[in-house]
Amino acid sequence: MAGTSEGGRKTSEGGRGDPHKASPAAIERYLKGIDFPVKSKNDLVTHAKKNGAPDDVIYVLEHFEDKEYHSPIDVAKEVGNQSSS
């Protein structure tokens, strides 16, 4: 169930702690309010953590290519690259 807690950690929509199931919508939700361009994946991770992102979302962001992201579209493309690998 979306937003439920497992082991004391909130899980993302459909995530249930599984890094391969963090939805693009969940990742976008935890990046709300970030200003683009973002200089590196570390900035994405830091912002998501400030917004209370669960482990599966952080896992996906930590596996992004370390580059500058110019828009939410860049982030969405990278999410797609992660789920296809």
Protein backbone atom coordinates (compact mmCIF):
# COMPACT_ATOMS: atom_id res chain seq x y z
CA MET A 1 0.00 0.00 0.00
CA ALA A 2 1.35 3.44 -0.92
CA GLY A 3 2.83 5.45 1.92
CA THR A 4 2.87 2.57 4.36
CA SER A 5 5.72 1.97 6.72
CA GLU A 6 8.05 -1.00 6.71
CA GLY A 7 10.66 -1.37 9.39
CA GLY A 8 10.10 2.21 10.52
CA ARG A 9 10.81 3.66 7.05
CA LYS A 10 8.18 5.13 4.81
CA THR A 11 8.05 3.44 1.43
CA SER A 12 7.25 5.14 -1.85
CA GLU A 13 4.27 4.48 -4.03
CA GLY A 14 4.53 0.84 -4.97
CA GLY A 15 8.10 0.79 -3.71
CA ARG A 16 7.83 -1.48 -0.67
CA GLY A 17 11.57 -0.89 -0.21
CA ASP A 18 12.46 -2.46 -3.56
CA PRO A 19 14.81 -0.10 -5.44
CA HIS A 20 13.61 -1.42 -8.79
CA LYS A 21 10.04 -0.39 -8.03
CA ALA A 22 10.47 3.27 -7.03
CA SER A 23 8.04 4.94 -9.40
CA PRO A 24 8.98 8.00 -11.45
CA ALA A 25 6.03 9.80 -9.83
CA ALA A 26 7.42 9.05 -6.35
CA ILE A 27 10.85 10.31 -7.33
CA GLU A 28 9.33 13.49 -8.78
CA ARG A 29 7.29 14.01 -5.60
CA TYR A 30 10.42 13.93 -3.40
CA LEU A 31 12.23 16.37 -5.70
CA LYS A 32 9.41 18.92 -5.43
CA GLY A 33 10.73 22.46 -5.02
CA ILE A 34 14.21 21.80 -6.41
CA ASP A 35 15.66 24.53 -8.61
CA PHE A 36 17.04 23.51 -12.01
CA PRO A 37 19.68 23.22 -13.26
CA VAL A 38 20.96 20.79 -10.63
CA LYS A 39 24.74 20.44 -10.69
CA SER A 40 24.99 16.74 -9.74
CA LYS A 41 23.15 13.66 -8.59
CA ASN A 42 24.32 14.45 -5.04
CA ASP A 43 22.17 17.60 -5.11
CA LEU A 44 19.18 15.47 -6.12
CA VAL A 45 19.86 13.01 -3.30
CA THR A 46 20.27 15.78 -0.72
CA HIS A 47 17.02 17.46 -1.77
CA ALA A 48 15.07 14.18 -1.77
CA LYS A 49 16.35 13.35 1.72
CA LYS A 50 15.25 16.79 2.97
CA ASN A 51 11.78 15.95 1.62
CA GLY A 52 11.72 12.65 3.54
CA ALA A 53 12.31 10.30 0.59
CA PRO A 54 12.28 6.58 1.42
CA ASP A 55 15.22 4.27 0.80
CA ASP A 56 14.03 3.02 -2.60
CA VAL A 57 13.88 6.57 -3.99
CA ILE A 58 17.32 7.42 -2.58
CA TYR A 59 18.73 4.19 -4.03
CA VAL A 60 17.54 5.09 -7.53
CA LEU A 61 18.89 8.66 -7.29
CA GLU A 62 22.27 7.43 -6.02
CA HIS A 63 22.59 5.29 -9.15
CA PHE A 64 22.00 8.20 -11.53
CA GLU A 65 24.83 9.32 -13.79
CA ASP A 66 26.75 12.10 -12.04
CA LYS A 67 26.06 15.04 -14.34
CA GLU A 68 24.12 18.29 -14.47
CA TYR A 69 20.33 17.92 -14.78
CA HIS A 70 18.67 20.83 -16.57
CA SER A 71 15.00 20.00 -16.05
CA PRO A 72 12.54 17.49 -14.61
CA ILE A 73 12.57 15.88 -18.05
CA ASP A 74 16.28 15.07 -17.63
CA VAL A 75 15.48 13.43 -14.29
CA ALA A 76 12.60 11.43 -15.80
CA LYS A 77 14.86 10.20 -18.61
CA GLU A 78 17.43 9.06 -16.08
CA VAL A 79 14.75 7.23 -14.08
CA GLY A 80 13.84 5.43 -17.31
CA ASN A 81 17.49 4.54 -17.88
CA GLN A 82 17.72 3.09 -14.36
CA SER A 83 14.64 0.92 -14.68
CA SER A 84 15.77 -0.48 -18.02
CA SER A 85 19.21 -1.50 -16.73
